[in-house]
Amino acid sequence: MVRHAIVLGIAALGIVSVTAGRSMAGEALADRCPQYPAHLRIARAYLARSDSAAAIAELRRADEALGSCLREEAAGNSLLARHGHRIRAS
């Protein structure tokens, strides 16, 4: 059971990493979505301690953080999008 959870967690990590790499090419992922790699680091630490349940929960948080960043970017609400469109004072 634990081995299955670890394999599932590693597979999810790989899928999310590949998706993020394609979507956010040209700039460091950590700069565009700092929550995502933070959750991945925590998940890795849980896996190192053989706490697969916590690692899987953290991978889900990483996936949610990445999804949020991608939605913001698509809507033009990312920090980068706002930087290029400064509001002028009247």
C-alpha atoms as a PDB file:
ATOM      1  CA  MET A   1       0.000   0.000   0.000  1.00  0.00           C
ATOM      2  CA  VAL A   2       2.739   2.471   0.982  1.00  0.00           C
ATOM      3  CA  ARG A   3       4.809   1.557  -2.063  1.00  0.00           C
ATOM      4  CA  HIS A   4       1.809   2.165  -4.316  1.00  0.00           C
ATOM      5  CA  ALA A   5       1.281   5.602  -2.750  1.00  0.00           C
ATOM      6  CA  ILE A   6       4.929   6.527  -3.249  1.00  0.00           C
ATOM      7  CA  VAL A   7       4.852   5.469  -6.897  1.00  0.00           C
ATOM      8  CA  LEU A   8       1.631   7.439  -7.380  1.00  0.00           C
ATOM      9  CA  GLY A   9       3.182  10.509  -5.750  1.00  0.00           C
ATOM     10  CA  ILE A  10       6.302  10.355  -7.891  1.00  0.00           C
ATOM     11  CA  ALA A  11       4.195   9.912 -11.040  1.00  0.00           C
ATOM     12  CA  ALA A  12       2.059  12.916 -10.123  1.00  0.00           C
ATOM     13  CA  LEU A  13       5.182  14.962  -9.456  1.00  0.00           C
ATOM     14  CA  GLY A  14       6.553  14.075 -12.882  1.00  0.00           C
ATOM     15  CA  ILE A  15       3.326  14.927 -14.697  1.00  0.00           C
ATOM     16  CA  VAL A  16       2.949  18.258 -12.949  1.00  0.00           C
ATOM     17  CA  SER A  17       6.601  19.129 -13.564  1.00  0.00           C
ATOM     18  CA  VAL A  18       6.364  18.448 -17.289  1.00  0.00           C
ATOM     19  CA  THR A  19       3.139  20.451 -17.581  1.00  0.00           C
ATOM     20  CA  ALA A  20       4.632  23.385 -15.709  1.00  0.00           C
ATOM     21  CA  GLY A  21       7.768  23.361 -17.826  1.00  0.00           C
ATOM     22  CA  ARG A  22       5.810  23.607 -21.061  1.00  0.00           C
ATOM     23  CA  SER A  23       3.367  26.224 -19.809  1.00  0.00           C
ATOM     24  CA  MET A  24       5.855  28.591 -18.272  1.00  0.00           C
ATOM     25  CA  ALA A  25       8.768  28.391 -20.686  1.00  0.00           C
ATOM     26  CA  GLY A  26      11.103  31.349 -20.855  1.00  0.00           C
ATOM     27  CA  GLU A  27      11.162  32.265 -17.185  1.00  0.00           C
ATOM     28  CA  ALA A  28      12.047  30.416 -14.025  1.00  0.00           C
ATOM     29  CA  LEU A  29       9.068  28.629 -12.546  1.00  0.00           C
ATOM     30  CA  ALA A  30      10.093  29.653  -9.052  1.00  0.00           C
ATOM     31  CA  ASP A  31       9.864  33.315 -10.080  1.00  0.00           C
ATOM     32  CA  ARG A  32       6.470  32.964 -11.710  1.00  0.00           C
ATOM     33  CA  CYS A  33       4.850  30.677  -9.154  1.00  0.00           C
ATOM     34  CA  PRO A  34       6.908  30.490  -5.949  1.00  0.00           C
ATOM     35  CA  GLN A  35       4.289  28.438  -4.086  1.00  0.00           C
ATOM     36  CA  TYR A  36       4.656  25.521  -6.516  1.00  0.00           C
ATOM     37  CA  PRO A  37       8.327  24.606  -5.915  1.00  0.00           C
ATOM     38  CA  ALA A  38       7.890  25.250  -2.200  1.00  0.00           C
ATOM     39  CA  HIS A  39       5.191  22.566  -2.053  1.00  0.00           C
ATOM     40  CA  LEU A  40       7.365  20.218  -4.120  1.00  0.00           C
ATOM     41  CA  ARG A  41      10.275  20.627  -1.698  1.00  0.00           C
ATOM     42  CA  ILE A  42       7.991  19.846   1.241  1.00  0.00           C
ATOM     43  CA  ALA A  43       6.628  16.771  -0.579  1.00  0.00           C
ATOM     44  CA  ARG A  44      10.172  15.563  -1.213  1.00  0.00           C
ATOM     45  CA  ALA A  45      10.978  15.942   2.480  1.00  0.00           C
ATOM     46  CA  TYR A  46       7.903  13.890   3.408  1.00  0.00           C
ATOM     47  CA  LEU A  47       8.933  11.170   0.953  1.00  0.00           C
ATOM     48  CA  ALA A  48      12.422  11.110   2.461  1.00  0.00           C
ATOM     49  CA  ARG A  49      10.769  10.411   5.837  1.00  0.00           C
ATOM     50  CA  SER A  50       8.544   7.734   4.238  1.00  0.00           C
ATOM     51  CA  ASP A  51       5.399   9.730   5.012  1.00  0.00           C
ATOM     52  CA  SER A  52       3.626   9.039   1.731  1.00  0.00           C
ATOM     53  CA  ALA A  53       0.221  10.303   2.846  1.00  0.00           C
ATOM     54  CA  ALA A  54       1.625  13.730   3.723  1.00  0.00           C
ATOM     55  CA  ALA A  55       3.704  13.751   0.519  1.00  0.00           C
ATOM     56  CA  ILE A  56       0.646  13.072  -1.625  1.00  0.00           C
ATOM     57  CA  ALA A  57      -1.317  15.798   0.170  1.00  0.00           C
ATOM     58  CA  GLU A  58       1.554  18.217  -0.460  1.00  0.00           C
ATOM     59  CA  LEU A  59       1.700  17.213  -4.140  1.00  0.00           C
ATOM     60  CA  ARG A  60      -1.989  18.053  -4.392  1.00  0.00           C
ATOM     61  CA  ARG A  61      -1.255  21.473  -2.884  1.00  0.00           C
ATOM     62  CA  ALA A  62       1.528  21.939  -5.431  1.00  0.00           C
ATOM     63  CA  ASP A  63      -0.862  21.050  -8.229  1.00  0.00           C
ATOM     64  CA  GLU A  64      -3.444  23.521  -6.895  1.00  0.00           C
ATOM     65  CA  ALA A  65      -0.804  26.264  -6.618  1.00  0.00           C
ATOM     66  CA  LEU A  66       0.362  25.654 -10.172  1.00  0.00           C
ATOM     67  CA  GLY A  67      -3.216  25.635 -11.458  1.00  0.00           C
ATOM     68  CA  SER A  68      -3.853  28.932  -9.712  1.00  0.00           C
ATOM     69  CA  CYS A  69      -0.746  30.490 -11.250  1.00  0.00           C
ATOM     70  CA  LEU A  70      -1.703  29.265 -14.707  1.00  0.00           C
ATOM     71  CA  ARG A  71      -5.255  30.601 -14.355  1.00  0.00           C
ATOM     72  CA  GLU A  72      -3.947  33.989 -13.205  1.00  0.00           C
ATOM     73  CA  GLU A  73      -1.508  34.093 -16.086  1.00  0.00           C
ATOM     74  CA  ALA A  74      -4.198  33.176 -18.601  1.00  0.00           C
ATOM     75  CA  ALA A  75      -6.465  35.905 -17.205  1.00  0.00           C
ATOM     76  CA  GLY A  76      -3.653  38.464 -17.297  1.00  0.00           C
ATOM     77  CA  ASN A  77      -3.635  38.796 -13.518  1.00  0.00           C
ATOM     78  CA  SER A  78      -0.125  37.519 -12.919  1.00  0.00           C
ATOM     79  CA  LEU A  79       2.507  39.741 -11.399  1.00  0.00           C
ATOM     80  CA  LEU A  80       4.247  39.804 -14.759  1.00  0.00           C
ATOM     81  CA  ALA A  81       1.113  40.855 -16.601  1.00  0.00           C
ATOM     82  CA  ARG A  82       0.420  43.629 -14.092  1.00  0.00           C
ATOM     83  CA  HIS A  83       4.009  44.855 -14.313  1.00  0.00           C
ATOM     84  CA  GLY A  84       3.598  45.601 -18.014  1.00  0.00           C
ATOM     85  CA  HIS A  85       0.268  47.437 -17.590  1.00  0.00           C
ATOM     86  CA  ARG A  86       0.787  50.102 -14.978  1.00  0.00           C
ATOM     87  CA  ILE A  87      -2.153  52.269 -14.082  1.00  0.00           C
ATOM     88  CA  ARG A  88      -1.578  55.956 -14.733  1.00  0.00           C
ATOM     89  CA  ALA A  89      -2.532  58.474 -12.103  1.00  0.00           C
ATOM     90  CA  SER A  90      -5.110  61.040 -13.231  1.00  0.00           C
END
